[in-house]
């Protein structure tokens, strides 16, 4: 099991089961990754705020077989204001959809988009 720390921007957080999330995270080092965050939706979870959409966080990941799992996460910056105002939410969702589409079309394993000033 290899452990690595990456800084990434959460593009999408999909609820799974009662308390888990599968995340789409855009990173500088690895491009788009899709780790699972166990227990991230529990009210007392330390991962709750750091794994929400539009959060910039430092993720400690470990790979178990071929899956990535979030072990620890530290919030760098939360863009919570984007989630509360509908007019502010439109542009990030366009960015989210474009990023996911471009990364899905990328055939190589290199990072597909570089945002040096963000990540």
PDB file of N, CA and C in Angstrom:
ATOM      1  N   UNK A   1       0.831  -1.185   0.000  1.00  0.00           N
ATOM      2  CA  UNK A   1       0.000   0.000   0.000  1.00  0.00           C
ATOM      3  C   UNK A   1       0.875   1.247   0.000  1.00  0.00           C
ATOM      4  N   UNK A   2       0.779   2.015  -1.050  1.00  0.00           N
ATOM      5  CA  UNK A   2       1.542   3.245  -1.163  1.00  0.00           C
ATOM      6  C   UNK A   2       0.712   4.419  -0.645  1.00  0.00           C
ATOM      7  N   UNK A   3       1.372   5.302   0.101  1.00  0.00           N
ATOM      8  CA  UNK A   3       0.711   6.478   0.649  1.00  0.00           C
ATOM      9  C   UNK A   3       1.266   7.705  -0.061  1.00  0.00           C
ATOM     10  N   UNK A   4       0.387   8.630  -0.440  1.00  0.00           N
ATOM     11  CA  UNK A   4       0.835   9.863  -1.088  1.00  0.00           C
ATOM     12  C   UNK A   4      -0.050  11.016  -0.655  1.00  0.00           C
ATOM     13  N   UNK A   5       0.532  12.211  -0.643  1.00  0.00           N
ATOM     14  CA  UNK A   5      -0.196  13.417  -0.279  1.00  0.00           C
ATOM     15  C   UNK A   5      -0.300  14.297  -1.518  1.00  0.00           C
ATOM     16  N   UNK A   6      -1.528  14.696  -1.855  1.00  0.00           N
ATOM     17  CA  UNK A   6      -1.757  15.563  -3.012  1.00  0.00           C
ATOM     18  C   UNK A   6      -2.693  16.697  -2.614  1.00  0.00           C
ATOM     19  N   UNK A   7      -2.505  17.836  -3.264  1.00  0.00           N
ATOM     20  CA  UNK A   7      -3.429  18.958  -3.086  1.00  0.00           C
ATOM     21  C   UNK A   7      -4.385  18.913  -4.265  1.00  0.00           C
ATOM     22  N   UNK A   8      -5.672  19.020  -3.972  1.00  0.00           N
ATOM     23  CA  UNK A   8      -6.645  18.923  -5.046  1.00  0.00           C
ATOM     24  C   UNK A   8      -7.905  19.717  -4.778  1.00  0.00           C
ATOM     25  N   UNK A   9      -8.617  19.950  -5.866  1.00  0.00           N
ATOM     26  CA  UNK A   9      -9.867  20.700  -5.857  1.00  0.00           C
ATOM     27  C   UNK A   9     -10.997  19.716  -6.110  1.00  0.00           C
ATOM     28  N   UNK A  10     -11.943  19.635  -5.180  1.00  0.00           N
ATOM     29  CA  UNK A  10     -13.046  18.676  -5.304  1.00  0.00           C
ATOM     30  C   UNK A  10     -14.046  19.205  -6.328  1.00  0.00           C
ATOM     31  N   UNK A  11     -14.158  18.485  -7.442  1.00  0.00           N
ATOM     32  CA  UNK A  11     -15.102  18.874  -8.490  1.00  0.00           C
ATOM     33  C   UNK A  11     -16.482  18.283  -8.257  1.00  0.00           C
ATOM     34  N   UNK A  12     -16.507  17.052  -7.739  1.00  0.00           N
ATOM     35  CA  UNK A  12     -17.797  16.389  -7.524  1.00  0.00           C
ATOM     36  C   UNK A  12     -17.667  15.449  -6.334  1.00  0.00           C
ATOM     37  N   UNK A  13     -18.724  15.372  -5.537  1.00  0.00           N
ATOM     38  CA  UNK A  13     -18.788  14.455  -4.397  1.00  0.00           C
ATOM     39  C   UNK A  13     -20.092  13.677  -4.513  1.00  0.00           C
ATOM     40  N   UNK A  14     -19.978  12.389  -4.779  1.00  0.00           N
ATOM     41  CA  UNK A  14     -21.154  11.542  -4.989  1.00  0.00           C
ATOM     42  C   UNK A  14     -21.397  10.719  -3.726  1.00  0.00           C
ATOM     43  N   UNK A  15     -22.589  10.830  -3.129  1.00  0.00           N
ATOM     44  CA  UNK A  15     -22.879  10.033  -1.937  1.00  0.00           C
ATOM     45  C   UNK A  15     -22.990   8.550  -2.283  1.00  0.00           C
ATOM     46  N   UNK A  16     -22.396   7.716  -1.427  1.00  0.00           N
ATOM     47  CA  UNK A  16     -22.445   6.269  -1.591  1.00  0.00           C
ATOM     48  C   UNK A  16     -22.803   5.661  -0.244  1.00  0.00           C
ATOM     49  N   UNK A  17     -23.825   4.833  -0.226  1.00  0.00           N
ATOM     50  CA  UNK A  17     -24.232   4.200   1.026  1.00  0.00           C
ATOM     51  C   UNK A  17     -24.729   5.221   2.026  1.00  0.00           C
ATOM     52  N   UNK A  18     -24.554   4.898   3.305  1.00  0.00           N
ATOM     53  CA  UNK A  18     -25.043   5.774   4.368  1.00  0.00           C
ATOM     54  C   UNK A  18     -24.105   6.926   4.693  1.00  0.00           C
ATOM     55  N   UNK A  19     -22.788   6.698   4.595  1.00  0.00           N
ATOM     56  CA  UNK A  19     -21.868   7.710   5.098  1.00  0.00           C
ATOM     57  C   UNK A  19     -20.658   7.968   4.212  1.00  0.00           C
ATOM     58  N   UNK A  20     -20.553   7.335   3.062  1.00  0.00           N
ATOM     59  CA  UNK A  20     -19.352   7.457   2.237  1.00  0.00           C
ATOM     60  C   UNK A  20     -19.575   8.401   1.062  1.00  0.00           C
ATOM     61  N   UNK A  21     -18.460   8.797   0.448  1.00  0.00           N
ATOM     62  CA  UNK A  21     -18.487   9.621  -0.761  1.00  0.00           C
ATOM     63  C   UNK A  21     -17.442   9.116  -1.740  1.00  0.00           C
ATOM     64  N   UNK A  22     -17.750   9.226  -3.017  1.00  0.00           N
ATOM     65  CA  UNK A  22     -16.747   9.041  -4.052  1.00  0.00           C
ATOM     66  C   UNK A  22     -16.497  10.427  -4.620  1.00  0.00           C
ATOM     67  N   UNK A  23     -15.228  10.826  -4.678  1.00  0.00           N
ATOM     68  CA  UNK A  23     -14.869  12.185  -5.051  1.00  0.00           C
ATOM     69  C   UNK A  23     -14.232  12.221  -6.438  1.00  0.00           C
ATOM     70  N   UNK A  24     -14.464  13.301  -7.157  1.00  0.00           N
ATOM     71  CA  UNK A  24     -13.704  13.633  -8.358  1.00  0.00           C
ATOM     72  C   UNK A  24     -12.834  14.809  -7.964  1.00  0.00           C
ATOM     73  N   UNK A  25     -11.522  14.581  -7.923  1.00  0.00           N
ATOM     74  CA  UNK A  25     -10.585  15.595  -7.454  1.00  0.00           C
ATOM     75  C   UNK A  25      -9.618  15.929  -8.584  1.00  0.00           C
ATOM     76  N   UNK A  26      -9.461  17.212  -8.873  1.00  0.00           N
ATOM     77  CA  UNK A  26      -8.508  17.674  -9.866  1.00  0.00           C
ATOM     78  C   UNK A  26      -7.221  18.044  -9.151  1.00  0.00           C
ATOM     79  N   UNK A  27      -6.130  17.346  -9.491  1.00  0.00           N
ATOM     80  CA  UNK A  27      -4.840  17.586  -8.854  1.00  0.00           C
ATOM     81  C   UNK A  27      -3.808  17.993  -9.888  1.00  0.00           C
ATOM     82  N   UNK A  28      -2.785  18.665  -9.436  1.00  0.00           N
ATOM     83  CA  UNK A  28      -1.690  19.044 -10.315  1.00  0.00           C
ATOM     84  C   UNK A  28      -0.840  17.824 -10.658  1.00  0.00           C
ATOM     85  N   UNK A  29      -0.576  16.983  -9.685  1.00  0.00           N
ATOM     86  CA  UNK A  29       0.328  15.857  -9.872  1.00  0.00           C
ATOM     87  C   UNK A  29      -0.262  14.739 -10.720  1.00  0.00           C
ATOM     88  N   UNK A  30      -1.531  14.405 -10.492  1.00  0.00           N
ATOM     89  CA  UNK A  30      -2.115  13.216 -11.108  1.00  0.00           C
ATOM     90  C   UNK A  30      -3.304  13.493 -12.007  1.00  0.00           C
ATOM     91  N   UNK A  31      -3.670  14.737 -12.211  1.00  0.00           N
ATOM     92  CA  UNK A  31      -4.841  15.042 -13.030  1.00  0.00           C
ATOM     93  C   UNK A  31      -6.107  14.735 -12.256  1.00  0.00           C
ATOM     94  N   UNK A  32      -7.073  14.141 -12.927  1.00  0.00           N
ATOM     95  CA  UNK A  32      -8.342  13.803 -12.289  1.00  0.00           C
ATOM     96  C   UNK A  32      -8.241  12.437 -11.622  1.00  0.00           C
ATOM     97  N   UNK A  33      -8.530  12.393 -10.315  1.00  0.00           N
ATOM     98  CA  UNK A  33      -8.535  11.134  -9.577  1.00  0.00           C
ATOM     99  C   UNK A  33      -9.902  10.948  -8.938  1.00  0.00           C
ATOM    100  N   UNK A  34     -10.237   9.693  -8.642  1.00  0.00           N
ATOM    101  CA  UNK A  34     -11.551   9.374  -8.071  1.00  0.00           C
ATOM    102  C   UNK A  34     -11.399   8.476  -6.843  1.00  0.00           C
ATOM    103  N   UNK A  35     -10.972   9.042  -5.719  1.00  0.00           N
ATOM    104  CA  UNK A  35     -10.846   8.229  -4.508  1.00  0.00           C
ATOM    105  C   UNK A  35     -12.176   8.126  -3.762  1.00  0.00           C
ATOM    106  N   UNK A  36     -12.254   7.160  -2.881  1.00  0.00           N
ATOM    107  CA  UNK A  36     -13.421   7.049  -2.012  1.00  0.00           C
ATOM    108  C   UNK A  36     -13.044   7.569  -0.630  1.00  0.00           C
ATOM    109  N   UNK A  37     -13.991   8.227   0.005  1.00  0.00           N
ATOM    110  CA  UNK A  37     -13.793   8.781   1.347  1.00  0.00           C
ATOM    111  C   UNK A  37     -14.796   8.112   2.273  1.00  0.00           C
ATOM    112  N   UNK A  38     -14.303   7.188   3.066  1.00  0.00           N
ATOM    113  CA  UNK A  38     -15.176   6.427   3.964  1.00  0.00           C
ATOM    114  C   UNK A  38     -15.585   7.268   5.164  1.00  0.00           C
ATOM    115  N   UNK A  39     -16.880   7.318   5.422  1.00  0.00           N
ATOM    116  CA  UNK A  39     -17.402   8.042   6.579  1.00  0.00           C
ATOM    117  C   UNK A  39     -17.402   9.545   6.417  1.00  0.00           C
ATOM    118  N   UNK A  40     -17.206  10.060   5.217  1.00  0.00           N
ATOM    119  CA  UNK A  40     -17.078  11.507   5.009  1.00  0.00           C
ATOM    120  C   UNK A  40     -18.393  12.258   5.173  1.00  0.00           C
ATOM    121  N   UNK A  41     -19.520  11.570   5.140  1.00  0.00           N
ATOM    122  CA  UNK A  41     -20.816  12.252   5.260  1.00  0.00           C
ATOM    123  C   UNK A  41     -21.365  12.228   6.685  1.00  0.00           C
ATOM    124  N   UNK A  42     -20.668  11.593   7.596  1.00  0.00           N
ATOM    125  CA  UNK A  42     -21.137  11.588   8.991  1.00  0.00           C
ATOM    126  C   UNK A  42     -21.010  12.978   9.584  1.00  0.00           C
ATOM    127  N   UNK A  43     -21.923  13.323  10.464  1.00  0.00           N
ATOM    128  CA  UNK A  43     -21.939  14.673  11.033  1.00  0.00           C
ATOM    129  C   UNK A  43     -20.689  15.011  11.819  1.00  0.00           C
ATOM    130  N   UNK A  44     -20.123  14.067  12.485  1.00  0.00           N
ATOM    131  CA  UNK A  44     -18.934  14.322  13.303  1.00  0.00           C
ATOM    132  C   UNK A  44     -17.628  13.967  12.583  1.00  0.00           C
ATOM    133  N   UNK A  45     -17.693  13.741  11.304  1.00  0.00           N
ATOM    134  CA  UNK A  45     -16.508  13.358  10.536  1.00  0.00           C
ATOM    135  C   UNK A  45     -15.569  14.546  10.351  1.00  0.00           C
ATOM    136  N   UNK A  46     -14.270  14.291  10.472  1.00  0.00           N
ATOM    137  CA  UNK A  46     -13.276  15.332  10.222  1.00  0.00           C
ATOM    138  C   UNK A  46     -13.156  15.629   8.732  1.00  0.00           C
ATOM    139  N   UNK A  47     -13.683  14.737   7.900  1.00  0.00           N
ATOM    140  CA  UNK A  47     -13.601  14.909   6.444  1.00  0.00           C
ATOM    141  C   UNK A  47     -14.809  15.622   5.855  1.00  0.00           C
ATOM    142  N   UNK A  48     -15.790  15.961   6.657  1.00  0.00           N
ATOM    143  CA  UNK A  48     -17.059  16.494   6.149  1.00  0.00           C
ATOM    144  C   UNK A  48     -16.865  17.756   5.307  1.00  0.00           C
ATOM    145  N   UNK A  49     -16.230  18.773   5.833  1.00  0.00           N
ATOM    146  CA  UNK A  49     -16.063  20.041   5.113  1.00  0.00           C
ATOM    147  C   UNK A  49     -15.035  19.930   3.994  1.00  0.00           C
ATOM    148  N   UNK A  50     -14.010  19.141   4.197  1.00  0.00           N
ATOM    149  CA  UNK A  50     -12.910  19.046   3.233  1.00  0.00           C
ATOM    150  C   UNK A  50     -13.251  18.249   1.990  1.00  0.00           C
ATOM    151  N   UNK A  51     -14.314  17.469   2.029  1.00  0.00           N
ATOM    152  CA  UNK A  51     -14.678  16.638   0.881  1.00  0.00           C
ATOM    153  C   UNK A  51     -15.929  17.140   0.172  1.00  0.00           C
ATOM    154  N   UNK A  52     -16.382  18.347   0.498  1.00  0.00           N
ATOM    155  CA  UNK A  52     -17.533  18.915  -0.206  1.00  0.00           C
ATOM    156  C   UNK A  52     -17.078  19.514  -1.529  1.00  0.00           C
ATOM    157  N   UNK A  53     -18.027  19.688  -2.443  1.00  0.00           N
ATOM    158  CA  UNK A  53     -17.701  20.288  -3.734  1.00  0.00           C
ATOM    159  C   UNK A  53     -17.107  21.677  -3.547  1.00  0.00           C
ATOM    160  N   UNK A  54     -16.168  22.012  -4.428  1.00  0.00           N
ATOM    161  CA  UNK A  54     -15.493  23.303  -4.460  1.00  0.00           C
ATOM    162  C   UNK A  54     -14.628  23.555  -3.227  1.00  0.00           C
ATOM    163  N   UNK A  55     -14.054  22.502  -2.660  1.00  0.00           N
ATOM    164  CA  UNK A  55     -13.122  22.645  -1.543  1.00  0.00           C
ATOM    165  C   UNK A  55     -11.718  22.330  -2.038  1.00  0.00           C
ATOM    166  N   UNK A  56     -10.764  23.159  -1.673  1.00  0.00           N
ATOM    167  CA  UNK A  56      -9.359  22.920  -1.973  1.00  0.00           C
ATOM    168  C   UNK A  56      -8.744  22.309  -0.724  1.00  0.00           C
ATOM    169  N   UNK A  57      -8.217  21.091  -0.844  1.00  0.00           N
ATOM    170  CA  UNK A  57      -7.749  20.364   0.333  1.00  0.00           C
ATOM    171  C   UNK A  57      -6.467  19.597   0.029  1.00  0.00           C
ATOM    172  N   UNK A  58      -5.745  19.260   1.092  1.00  0.00           N
ATOM    173  CA  UNK A  58      -4.593  18.364   0.998  1.00  0.00           C
ATOM    174  C   UNK A  58      -5.061  16.976   1.408  1.00  0.00           C
ATOM    175  N   UNK A  59      -4.980  16.022   0.485  1.00  0.00           N
ATOM    176  CA  UNK A  59      -5.466  14.671   0.698  1.00  0.00           C
ATOM    177  C   UNK A  59      -4.310  13.714   0.917  1.00  0.00           C
ATOM    178  N   UNK A  60      -4.412  12.887   1.953  1.00  0.00           N
ATOM    179  CA  UNK A  60      -3.489  11.777   2.134  1.00  0.00           C
ATOM    180  C   UNK A  60      -4.213  10.541   1.627  1.00  0.00           C
ATOM    181  N   UNK A  61      -3.695   9.980   0.558  1.00  0.00           N
ATOM    182  CA  UNK A  61      -4.341   8.855  -0.113  1.00  0.00           C
ATOM    183  C   UNK A  61      -3.497   7.607   0.025  1.00  0.00           C
ATOM    184  N   UNK A  62      -4.146   6.473   0.096  1.00  0.00           N
ATOM    185  CA  UNK A  62      -3.420   5.219  -0.029  1.00  0.00           C
ATOM    186  C   UNK A  62      -4.139   4.352  -1.036  1.00  0.00           C
ATOM    187  N   UNK A  63      -3.375   3.546  -1.730  1.00  0.00           N
ATOM    188  CA  UNK A  63      -3.980   2.690  -2.741  1.00  0.00           C
ATOM    189  C   UNK A  63      -4.094   1.284  -2.190  1.00  0.00           C
ATOM    190  N   UNK A  64      -5.285   0.760  -2.279  1.00  0.00           N
ATOM    191  CA  UNK A  64      -5.569  -0.597  -1.854  1.00  0.00           C
ATOM    192  C   UNK A  64      -5.961  -1.362  -3.112  1.00  0.00           C
ATOM    193  N   UNK A  65      -5.076  -2.214  -3.556  1.00  0.00           N
ATOM    194  CA  UNK A  65      -5.199  -2.883  -4.857  1.00  0.00           C
ATOM    195  C   UNK A  65      -5.174  -1.819  -5.932  1.00  0.00           C
ATOM    196  N   UNK A  66      -6.257  -1.594  -6.625  1.00  0.00           N
ATOM    197  CA  UNK A  66      -6.255  -0.573  -7.673  1.00  0.00           C
ATOM    198  C   UNK A  66      -7.131   0.620  -7.305  1.00  0.00           C
ATOM    199  N   UNK A  67      -7.591   0.690  -6.058  1.00  0.00           N
ATOM    200  CA  UNK A  67      -8.486   1.768  -5.625  1.00  0.00           C
ATOM    201  C   UNK A  67      -7.747   2.769  -4.758  1.00  0.00           C
ATOM    202  N   UNK A  68      -8.121   4.036  -4.902  1.00  0.00           N
ATOM    203  CA  UNK A  68      -7.586   5.088  -4.039  1.00  0.00           C
ATOM    204  C   UNK A  68      -8.576   5.362  -2.920  1.00  0.00           C
ATOM    205  N   UNK A  69      -8.058   5.491  -1.709  1.00  0.00           N
ATOM    206  CA  UNK A  69      -8.898   5.744  -0.537  1.00  0.00           C
ATOM    207  C   UNK A  69      -8.310   6.923   0.228  1.00  0.00           C
ATOM    208  N   UNK A  70      -9.177   7.858   0.621  1.00  0.00           N
ATOM    209  CA  UNK A  70      -8.752   9.017   1.402  1.00  0.00           C
ATOM    210  C   UNK A  70      -8.540   8.567   2.842  1.00  0.00           C
ATOM    211  N   UNK A  71      -7.325   8.744   3.325  1.00  0.00           N
ATOM    212  CA  UNK A  71      -6.999   8.371   4.690  1.00  0.00           C
ATOM    213  C   UNK A  71      -7.164   9.572   5.626  1.00  0.00           C
ATOM    214  N   UNK A  72      -6.604  10.710   5.230  1.00  0.00           N
ATOM    215  CA  UNK A  72      -6.731  11.957   5.988  1.00  0.00           C
ATOM    216  C   UNK A  72      -6.899  13.093   5.003  1.00  0.00           C
ATOM    217  N   UNK A  73      -7.471  14.181   5.472  1.00  0.00           N
ATOM    218  CA  UNK A  73      -7.643  15.353   4.611  1.00  0.00           C
ATOM    219  C   UNK A  73      -7.577  16.605   5.466  1.00  0.00           C
ATOM    220  N   UNK A  74      -6.937  17.639   4.902  1.00  0.00           N
ATOM    221  CA  UNK A  74      -6.838  18.920   5.596  1.00  0.00           C
ATOM    222  C   UNK A  74      -7.343  20.010   4.656  1.00  0.00           C
ATOM    223  N   UNK A  75      -8.300  20.768   5.108  1.00  0.00           N
ATOM    224  CA  UNK A  75      -8.908  21.825   4.310  1.00  0.00           C
ATOM    225  C   UNK A  75      -7.933  22.984   4.141  1.00  0.00           C
ATOM    226  N   UNK A  76      -7.684  23.392   2.896  1.00  0.00           N
ATOM    227  CA  UNK A  76      -6.847  24.551   2.611  1.00  0.00           C
ATOM    228  C   UNK A  76      -7.733  25.780   2.468  1.00  0.00           C
ATOM    229  N   UNK A  77      -8.770  25.656   1.635  1.00  0.00           N
ATOM    230  CA  UNK A  77      -9.709  26.758   1.465  1.00  0.00           C
ATOM    231  C   UNK A  77     -11.067  26.210   1.050  1.00  0.00           C
ATOM    232  N   UNK A  78     -12.090  26.725   1.696  1.00  0.00           N
ATOM    233  CA  UNK A  78     -13.455  26.314   1.379  1.00  0.00           C
ATOM    234  C   UNK A  78     -14.142  27.446   0.637  1.00  0.00           C
ATOM    235  N   UNK A  79     -14.731  27.119  -0.478  1.00  0.00           N
ATOM    236  CA  UNK A  79     -15.461  28.105  -1.255  1.00  0.00           C
ATOM    237  C   UNK A  79     -16.952  27.927  -0.983  1.00  0.00           C
ATOM    238  N   UNK A  80     -17.322  28.017   0.289  1.00  0.00           N
ATOM    239  CA  UNK A  80     -18.688  27.769   0.726  1.00  0.00           C
ATOM    240  C   UNK A  80     -19.653  28.825   0.185  1.00  0.00           C
ATOM    241  N   UNK A  81     -19.156  30.021  -0.089  1.00  0.00           N
ATOM    242  CA  UNK A  81     -20.003  31.075  -0.642  1.00  0.00           C
ATOM    243  C   UNK A  81     -20.543  30.728  -2.013  1.00  0.00           C
ATOM    244  N   UNK A  82     -19.832  29.878  -2.739  1.00  0.00           N
ATOM    245  CA  UNK A  82     -20.299  29.454  -4.058  1.00  0.00           C
ATOM    246  C   UNK A  82     -21.540  28.589  -3.959  1.00  0.00           C
ATOM    247  N   UNK A  83     -21.663  27.847  -2.878  1.00  0.00           N
ATOM    248  CA  UNK A  83     -22.797  26.949  -2.722  1.00  0.00           C
ATOM    249  C   UNK A  83     -24.047  27.662  -2.248  1.00  0.00           C
ATOM    250  N   UNK A  84     -23.905  28.838  -1.659  1.00  0.00           N
ATOM    251  CA  UNK A  84     -25.057  29.518  -1.077  1.00  0.00           C
ATOM    252  C   UNK A  84     -25.732  30.503  -2.031  1.00  0.00           C
ATOM    253  N   UNK A  85     -25.015  31.000  -3.028  1.00  0.00           N
ATOM    254  CA  UNK A  85     -25.567  31.992  -3.937  1.00  0.00           C
ATOM    255  C   UNK A  85     -25.694  31.386  -5.335  1.00  0.00           C
ATOM    256  N   UNK A  86     -26.889  31.353  -5.873  1.00  0.00           N
ATOM    257  CA  UNK A  86     -27.146  30.705  -7.154  1.00  0.00           C
ATOM    258  C   UNK A  86     -26.393  31.365  -8.299  1.00  0.00           C
ATOM    259  N   UNK A  87     -26.281  32.685  -8.306  1.00  0.00           N
ATOM    260  CA  UNK A  87     -25.578  33.355  -9.400  1.00  0.00           C
ATOM    261  C   UNK A  87     -24.076  33.062  -9.360  1.00  0.00           C
ATOM    262  N   UNK A  88     -23.526  32.899  -8.166  1.00  0.00           N
ATOM    263  CA  UNK A  88     -22.114  32.555  -8.050  1.00  0.00           C
ATOM    264  C   UNK A  88     -21.868  31.083  -8.369  1.00  0.00           C
ATOM    265  N   UNK A  89     -22.900  30.273  -8.295  1.00  0.00           N
ATOM    266  CA  UNK A  89     -22.758  28.829  -8.485  1.00  0.00           C
ATOM    267  C   UNK A  89     -22.699  28.427  -9.956  1.00  0.00           C
ATOM    268  N   UNK A  90     -23.193  29.264 -10.856  1.00  0.00           N
ATOM    269  CA  UNK A  90     -23.266  28.905 -12.268  1.00  0.00           C
ATOM    270  C   UNK A  90     -21.870  28.740 -12.877  1.00  0.00           C
ATOM    271  N   UNK A  91     -20.978  29.687 -12.684  1.00  0.00           N
ATOM    272  CA  UNK A  91     -19.634  29.605 -13.271  1.00  0.00           C
ATOM    273  C   UNK A  91     -18.833  28.409 -12.765  1.00  0.00           C
ATOM    274  N   UNK A  92     -18.805  28.121 -11.464  1.00  0.00           N
ATOM    275  CA  UNK A  92     -18.078  26.924 -11.025  1.00  0.00           C
ATOM    276  C   UNK A  92     -18.654  25.634 -11.596  1.00  0.00           C
ATOM    277  N   UNK A  93     -19.965  25.568 -11.799  1.00  0.00           N
ATOM    278  CA  UNK A  93     -20.541  24.356 -12.373  1.00  0.00           C
ATOM    279  C   UNK A  93     -20.157  24.209 -13.840  1.00  0.00           C
ATOM    280  N   UNK A  94     -20.040  25.320 -14.554  1.00  0.00           N
ATOM    281  CA  UNK A  94     -19.557  25.257 -15.931  1.00  0.00           C
ATOM    282  C   UNK A  94     -18.110  24.782 -15.932  1.00  0.00           C
ATOM    283  N   UNK A  95     -17.281  25.320 -15.038  1.00  0.00           N
ATOM    284  CA  UNK A  95     -15.897  24.866 -14.895  1.00  0.00           C
ATOM    285  C   UNK A  95     -15.844  23.379 -14.546  1.00  0.00           C
ATOM    286  N   UNK A  96     -16.700  22.956 -13.627  1.00  0.00           N
ATOM    287  CA  UNK A  96     -16.751  21.554 -13.212  1.00  0.00           C
ATOM    288  C   UNK A  96     -17.081  20.647 -14.398  1.00  0.00           C
ATOM    289  N   UNK A  97     -18.108  20.973 -15.146  1.00  0.00           N
ATOM    290  CA  UNK A  97     -18.505  20.143 -16.282  1.00  0.00           C
ATOM    291  C   UNK A  97     -17.443  20.118 -17.370  1.00  0.00           C
ATOM    292  N   UNK A  98     -16.846  21.264 -17.659  1.00  0.00           N
ATOM    293  CA  UNK A  98     -15.789  21.315 -18.672  1.00  0.00           C
ATOM    294  C   UNK A  98     -14.574  20.502 -18.235  1.00  0.00           C
ATOM    295  N   UNK A  99     -14.175  20.636 -16.986  1.00  0.00           N
ATOM    296  CA  UNK A  99     -13.018  19.893 -16.481  1.00  0.00           C
ATOM    297  C   UNK A  99     -13.246  18.395 -16.539  1.00  0.00           C
ATOM    298  N   UNK A 100     -14.415  17.964 -16.104  1.00  0.00           N
ATOM    299  CA  UNK A 100     -14.712  16.533 -16.129  1.00  0.00           C
ATOM    300  C   UNK A 100     -14.777  15.997 -17.552  1.00  0.00           C
ATOM    301  N   UNK A 101     -15.313  16.772 -18.468  1.00  0.00           N
ATOM    302  CA  UNK A 101     -15.399  16.345 -19.859  1.00  0.00           C
ATOM    303  C   UNK A 101     -14.027  16.252 -20.493  1.00  0.00           C
ATOM    304  N   UNK A 102     -13.194  17.274 -20.300  1.00  0.00           N
ATOM    305  CA  UNK A 102     -11.850  17.268 -20.884  1.00  0.00           C
ATOM    306  C   UNK A 102     -11.015  16.141 -20.302  1.00  0.00           C
ATOM    307  N   UNK A 103     -11.097  15.934 -18.998  1.00  0.00           N
ATOM    308  CA  UNK A 103     -10.316  14.866 -18.366  1.00  0.00           C
ATOM    309  C   UNK A 103     -10.807  13.489 -18.793  1.00  0.00           C
ATOM    310  N   UNK A 104     -12.089  13.342 -19.006  1.00  0.00           N
ATOM    311  CA  UNK A 104     -12.616  12.052 -19.458  1.00  0.00           C
ATOM    312  C   UNK A 104     -12.170  11.750 -20.880  1.00  0.00           C
ATOM    313  N   UNK A 105     -11.981  12.775 -21.698  1.00  0.00           N
ATOM    314  CA  UNK A 105     -11.550  12.569 -23.078  1.00  0.00           C
ATOM    315  C   UNK A 105     -10.050  12.332 -23.180  1.00  0.00           C
ATOM    316  N   UNK A 106      -9.297  12.676 -22.150  1.00  0.00           N
ATOM    317  CA  UNK A 106      -7.849  12.501 -22.175  1.00  0.00           C
ATOM    318  C   UNK A 106      -7.507  11.015 -22.123  1.00  0.00           C
ATOM    319  N   UNK A 107      -6.661  10.574 -23.029  1.00  0.00           N
ATOM    320  CA  UNK A 107      -6.328   9.158 -23.111  1.00  0.00           C
ATOM    321  C   UNK A 107      -5.043   8.804 -22.373  1.00  0.00           C
ATOM    322  N   UNK A 108      -4.212   9.786 -22.084  1.00  0.00           N
ATOM    323  CA  UNK A 108      -2.956   9.478 -21.394  1.00  0.00           C
ATOM    324  C   UNK A 108      -3.103   9.707 -19.899  1.00  0.00           C
ATOM    325  N   UNK A 109      -2.107   9.286 -19.150  1.00  0.00           N
ATOM    326  CA  UNK A 109      -2.191   9.362 -17.686  1.00  0.00           C
ATOM    327  C   UNK A 109      -1.610  10.654 -17.131  1.00  0.00           C
ATOM    328  N   UNK A 110      -1.099  11.523 -17.990  1.00  0.00           N
ATOM    329  CA  UNK A 110      -0.572  12.793 -17.511  1.00  0.00           C
ATOM    330  C   UNK A 110      -1.721  13.701 -17.085  1.00  0.00           C
ATOM    331  N   UNK A 111      -1.465  14.676 -16.229  1.00  0.00           N
ATOM    332  CA  UNK A 111      -2.526  15.615 -15.865  1.00  0.00           C
ATOM    333  C   UNK A 111      -3.058  16.310 -17.106  1.00  0.00           C
ATOM    334  N   UNK A 112      -4.371  16.388 -17.216  1.00  0.00           N
ATOM    335  CA  UNK A 112      -4.983  16.909 -18.430  1.00  0.00           C
ATOM    336  C   UNK A 112      -5.132  18.423 -18.395  1.00  0.00           C
ATOM    337  N   UNK A 113      -5.207  19.031 -17.224  1.00  0.00           N
ATOM    338  CA  UNK A 113      -5.379  20.467 -17.107  1.00  0.00           C
ATOM    339  C   UNK A 113      -4.427  20.962 -16.020  1.00  0.00           C
ATOM    340  N   UNK A 114      -3.762  22.052 -16.259  1.00  0.00           N
ATOM    341  CA  UNK A 114      -2.861  22.618 -15.262  1.00  0.00           C
ATOM    342  C   UNK A 114      -3.391  23.968 -14.800  1.00  0.00           C
ATOM    343  N   UNK A 115      -3.630  24.103 -13.541  1.00  0.00           N
ATOM    344  CA  UNK A 115      -4.053  25.355 -12.937  1.00  0.00           C
ATOM    345  C   UNK A 115      -3.060  25.674 -11.837  1.00  0.00           C
ATOM    346  N   UNK A 116      -1.895  26.165 -12.217  1.00  0.00           N
ATOM    347  CA  UNK A 116      -0.825  26.434 -11.269  1.00  0.00           C
ATOM    348  C   UNK A 116      -1.189  27.437 -10.211  1.00  0.00           C
ATOM    349  N   UNK A 117      -1.999  28.431 -10.554  1.00  0.00           N
ATOM    350  CA  UNK A 117      -2.342  29.449  -9.572  1.00  0.00           C
ATOM    351  C   UNK A 117      -3.391  28.980  -8.586  1.00  0.00           C
ATOM    352  N   UNK A 118      -4.114  27.907  -8.887  1.00  0.00           N
ATOM    353  CA  UNK A 118      -5.115  27.370  -7.964  1.00  0.00           C
ATOM    354  C   UNK A 118      -4.534  26.222  -7.162  1.00  0.00           C
ATOM    355  N   UNK A 119      -3.936  25.265  -7.853  1.00  0.00           N
ATOM    356  CA  UNK A 119      -3.442  24.078  -7.173  1.00  0.00           C
ATOM    357  C   UNK A 119      -2.014  24.281  -6.826  1.00  0.00           C
TER     358      UNK A 119
END
